[in-house]
């Protein structure tokens, strides 16, 4: 996938069956569908909308900077209160 800094990315936070997740779209097309907390083993959704929003915003920042994949680390998730 090719991303340019001029691409329009949007973040949508949405409920899942067990909590919250997020979608990131590029020019309207879904490029990331994240219903669970990335990096964390298992299939655990974010407990709150705010957690999903904060993590999604960090991923969006990385993508807007041209990083793909926008890999996250456990310390980043911890600093955002998502663990």
N, C-alpha and C. Protein backbone atom coordinates (compact mmCIF):
# COMPACT_ATOMS: atom_id res chain seq x y z
N UNK A 1 0.82 -1.17 0.00
CA UNK A 1 0.00 0.00 0.00
C UNK A 1 0.87 1.24 0.00
N UNK A 2 0.49 2.22 -0.76
CA UNK A 2 1.26 3.44 -0.84
C UNK A 2 0.48 4.56 -0.16
N UNK A 3 1.15 5.24 0.75
CA UNK A 3 0.55 6.36 1.45
C UNK A 3 1.38 7.59 1.18
N UNK A 4 0.73 8.67 0.92
CA UNK A 4 1.45 9.93 0.80
C UNK A 4 0.94 10.87 1.88
N UNK A 5 1.74 11.84 2.20
CA UNK A 5 1.35 12.80 3.23
C UNK A 5 0.16 13.64 2.79
N UNK A 6 -0.15 13.62 1.51
CA UNK A 6 -1.29 14.38 0.99
C UNK A 6 -2.58 13.58 1.06
N UNK A 7 -2.49 12.29 1.37
CA UNK A 7 -3.68 11.46 1.46
C UNK A 7 -4.57 11.95 2.59
N UNK A 8 -5.86 11.77 2.39
CA UNK A 8 -6.82 12.13 3.42
C UNK A 8 -7.17 10.87 4.21
N UNK A 9 -6.80 10.88 5.48
CA UNK A 9 -7.11 9.77 6.37
C UNK A 9 -8.18 10.22 7.35
N UNK A 10 -9.07 9.30 7.70
CA UNK A 10 -10.08 9.59 8.72
C UNK A 10 -10.13 8.44 9.71
N UNK A 11 -10.51 8.77 10.91
CA UNK A 11 -10.62 7.80 12.00
C UNK A 11 -12.07 7.70 12.42
N UNK A 12 -12.56 6.47 12.57
CA UNK A 12 -13.90 6.23 13.07
C UNK A 12 -13.81 5.26 14.24
N UNK A 13 -14.27 5.68 15.39
CA UNK A 13 -14.32 4.81 16.56
C UNK A 13 -15.72 4.21 16.59
N UNK A 14 -15.79 2.89 16.82
CA UNK A 14 -17.09 2.24 16.79
C UNK A 14 -17.17 1.12 17.81
N UNK A 15 -18.39 0.84 18.26
CA UNK A 15 -18.57 -0.26 19.21
C UNK A 15 -18.33 -1.61 18.54
N UNK A 16 -17.83 -2.56 19.34
CA UNK A 16 -17.67 -3.94 18.89
C UNK A 16 -18.55 -4.80 19.78
N UNK A 17 -18.53 -6.08 19.56
CA UNK A 17 -19.34 -6.99 20.38
C UNK A 17 -18.90 -6.98 21.84
N UNK A 18 -17.61 -6.66 22.09
CA UNK A 18 -17.11 -6.73 23.46
C UNK A 18 -16.44 -5.43 23.94
N UNK A 19 -16.67 -4.32 23.26
CA UNK A 19 -16.05 -3.06 23.69
C UNK A 19 -16.01 -2.05 22.57
N UNK A 20 -14.79 -1.59 22.23
CA UNK A 20 -14.62 -0.56 21.21
C UNK A 20 -13.45 -0.89 20.30
N UNK A 21 -13.52 -0.41 19.07
CA UNK A 21 -12.46 -0.56 18.10
C UNK A 21 -12.43 0.66 17.21
N UNK A 22 -11.62 0.62 16.16
CA UNK A 22 -11.58 1.75 15.25
C UNK A 22 -11.31 1.32 13.81
N UNK A 23 -11.70 2.19 12.91
CA UNK A 23 -11.42 2.05 11.48
C UNK A 23 -10.61 3.25 11.05
N UNK A 24 -9.68 3.05 10.15
CA UNK A 24 -8.99 4.17 9.52
C UNK A 24 -9.22 4.03 8.02
N UNK A 25 -9.65 5.13 7.44
CA UNK A 25 -9.93 5.16 6.00
C UNK A 25 -8.95 6.09 5.30
N UNK A 26 -8.60 5.73 4.09
CA UNK A 26 -7.82 6.59 3.22
C UNK A 26 -8.69 6.89 2.01
N UNK A 27 -8.96 8.17 1.81
CA UNK A 27 -9.81 8.58 0.68
C UNK A 27 -11.12 7.79 0.69
N UNK A 28 -11.66 7.52 1.88
CA UNK A 28 -12.94 6.82 2.02
C UNK A 28 -12.85 5.30 2.06
N UNK A 29 -11.70 4.73 1.70
CA UNK A 29 -11.55 3.25 1.67
C UNK A 29 -10.92 2.77 2.97
N UNK A 30 -11.49 1.73 3.58
CA UNK A 30 -10.95 1.19 4.82
C UNK A 30 -9.57 0.60 4.57
N UNK A 31 -8.57 1.10 5.34
CA UNK A 31 -7.22 0.55 5.24
C UNK A 31 -6.82 -0.17 6.53
N UNK A 32 -7.46 0.18 7.64
CA UNK A 32 -7.23 -0.53 8.90
C UNK A 32 -8.58 -0.70 9.60
N UNK A 33 -8.90 -1.95 9.92
CA UNK A 33 -10.09 -2.29 10.70
C UNK A 33 -9.56 -2.95 11.96
N UNK A 34 -9.57 -2.23 13.08
CA UNK A 34 -8.94 -2.70 14.31
C UNK A 34 -9.99 -2.87 15.41
N UNK A 35 -10.64 -4.05 15.47
CA UNK A 35 -11.66 -4.28 16.49
C UNK A 35 -11.07 -4.71 17.85
N UNK A 36 -9.77 -5.00 17.86
CA UNK A 36 -9.12 -5.44 19.10
C UNK A 36 -7.88 -4.58 19.37
N UNK A 37 -7.36 -4.69 20.58
CA UNK A 37 -6.17 -3.94 20.96
C UNK A 37 -4.97 -4.56 20.25
N UNK A 38 -4.26 -3.77 19.41
CA UNK A 38 -3.10 -4.33 18.72
C UNK A 38 -1.98 -4.63 19.71
N UNK A 39 -1.10 -5.55 19.36
CA UNK A 39 0.09 -5.94 20.12
C UNK A 39 -0.25 -6.87 21.29
N UNK A 40 -1.44 -6.75 21.85
CA UNK A 40 -1.84 -7.53 23.02
C UNK A 40 -2.35 -8.90 22.55
N UNK A 41 -1.81 -9.98 23.10
CA UNK A 41 -2.28 -11.31 22.71
C UNK A 41 -3.77 -11.49 23.01
N UNK A 42 -4.43 -12.26 22.18
CA UNK A 42 -5.84 -12.53 22.38
C UNK A 42 -6.70 -11.59 21.56
N UNK A 43 -7.96 -11.62 21.83
CA UNK A 43 -8.93 -10.84 21.06
C UNK A 43 -9.67 -9.87 21.97
N UNK A 44 -8.93 -9.01 22.66
CA UNK A 44 -9.52 -8.08 23.62
C UNK A 44 -9.78 -6.73 22.95
N UNK A 45 -11.03 -6.27 23.00
CA UNK A 45 -11.37 -4.94 22.48
C UNK A 45 -10.98 -3.89 23.51
N UNK A 46 -10.95 -2.63 23.07
CA UNK A 46 -10.70 -1.53 23.99
C UNK A 46 -11.88 -1.43 24.95
N UNK A 47 -11.62 -1.15 26.21
CA UNK A 47 -12.67 -1.08 27.23
C UNK A 47 -13.53 0.17 27.07
N UNK A 48 -12.94 1.26 26.58
CA UNK A 48 -13.69 2.51 26.45
C UNK A 48 -13.50 3.12 25.06
N UNK A 49 -14.44 3.95 24.71
CA UNK A 49 -14.36 4.70 23.45
C UNK A 49 -13.10 5.58 23.45
N UNK A 50 -12.78 6.18 24.59
CA UNK A 50 -11.64 7.07 24.68
C UNK A 50 -10.32 6.33 24.41
N UNK A 51 -10.19 5.11 24.91
CA UNK A 51 -8.98 4.33 24.65
C UNK A 51 -8.82 4.08 23.15
N UNK A 52 -9.89 3.65 22.51
CA UNK A 52 -9.84 3.38 21.07
C UNK A 52 -9.52 4.67 20.31
N UNK A 53 -10.08 5.78 20.73
CA UNK A 53 -9.84 7.07 20.09
C UNK A 53 -8.37 7.47 20.19
N UNK A 54 -7.80 7.38 21.39
CA UNK A 54 -6.39 7.77 21.59
C UNK A 54 -5.44 6.91 20.76
N UNK A 55 -5.67 5.61 20.77
CA UNK A 55 -4.79 4.71 20.01
C UNK A 55 -4.97 4.94 18.51
N UNK A 56 -6.21 5.08 18.08
CA UNK A 56 -6.48 5.36 16.67
C UNK A 56 -5.82 6.66 16.21
N UNK A 57 -5.83 7.67 17.05
CA UNK A 57 -5.19 8.95 16.71
C UNK A 57 -3.67 8.80 16.57
N UNK A 58 -3.06 7.97 17.42
CA UNK A 58 -1.63 7.73 17.30
C UNK A 58 -1.31 7.01 15.99
N UNK A 59 -2.10 6.01 15.65
CA UNK A 59 -1.91 5.29 14.39
C UNK A 59 -2.08 6.25 13.22
N UNK A 60 -3.09 7.09 13.30
CA UNK A 60 -3.34 8.08 12.25
C UNK A 60 -2.16 9.03 12.10
N UNK A 61 -1.58 9.46 13.20
CA UNK A 61 -0.41 10.34 13.16
C UNK A 61 0.75 9.66 12.45
N UNK A 62 0.96 8.39 12.75
CA UNK A 62 2.05 7.65 12.11
C UNK A 62 1.80 7.51 10.61
N UNK A 63 0.56 7.24 10.23
CA UNK A 63 0.23 7.08 8.82
C UNK A 63 0.39 8.40 8.07
N UNK A 64 -0.03 9.49 8.69
CA UNK A 64 0.11 10.80 8.05
C UNK A 64 1.58 11.18 7.88
N UNK A 65 2.44 10.59 8.70
CA UNK A 65 3.88 10.82 8.59
C UNK A 65 4.52 9.88 7.56
N UNK A 66 3.69 9.03 6.92
CA UNK A 66 4.19 8.13 5.89
C UNK A 66 4.64 6.78 6.39
N UNK A 67 4.35 6.44 7.65
CA UNK A 67 4.77 5.15 8.20
C UNK A 67 3.70 4.10 7.98
N UNK A 68 4.08 3.04 7.29
CA UNK A 68 3.18 1.90 7.14
C UNK A 68 4.01 0.64 7.05
N UNK A 69 3.76 -0.34 7.89
CA UNK A 69 2.66 -0.32 8.84
C UNK A 69 2.95 0.60 10.03
N UNK A 70 1.91 1.16 10.59
CA UNK A 70 2.08 2.06 11.74
C UNK A 70 2.17 1.26 13.04
N UNK A 71 3.22 0.52 13.19
CA UNK A 71 3.41 -0.41 14.30
C UNK A 71 3.35 0.30 15.66
N UNK A 72 2.67 -0.34 16.60
CA UNK A 72 2.58 0.17 17.97
C UNK A 72 3.37 -0.73 18.90
N UNK A 73 3.76 -0.19 20.04
CA UNK A 73 4.47 -0.97 21.05
C UNK A 73 3.65 -1.01 22.34
N UNK A 74 3.97 -1.97 23.20
CA UNK A 74 3.30 -2.03 24.50
C UNK A 74 3.50 -0.75 25.31
N UNK A 75 4.74 -0.17 25.36
CA UNK A 75 4.89 1.09 26.09
C UNK A 75 4.02 2.22 25.54
N UNK A 76 3.83 2.27 24.22
CA UNK A 76 2.95 3.30 23.65
C UNK A 76 1.52 3.09 24.10
N UNK A 77 1.04 1.84 24.04
CA UNK A 77 -0.31 1.55 24.48
C UNK A 77 -0.50 1.87 25.96
N UNK A 78 0.50 1.53 26.75
CA UNK A 78 0.45 1.82 28.19
C UNK A 78 0.39 3.33 28.44
N UNK A 79 1.19 4.09 27.71
CA UNK A 79 1.21 5.55 27.91
C UNK A 79 -0.12 6.19 27.51
N UNK A 80 -0.88 5.53 26.65
CA UNK A 80 -2.18 6.04 26.24
C UNK A 80 -3.32 5.52 27.12
N UNK A 81 -2.96 4.71 28.13
CA UNK A 81 -3.97 4.16 29.04
C UNK A 81 -4.83 3.09 28.40
N UNK A 82 -4.31 2.40 27.39
CA UNK A 82 -5.09 1.40 26.68
C UNK A 82 -4.87 -0.02 27.17
N UNK A 83 -4.03 -0.21 28.17
CA UNK A 83 -3.79 -1.58 28.68
C UNK A 83 -4.48 -1.80 30.00
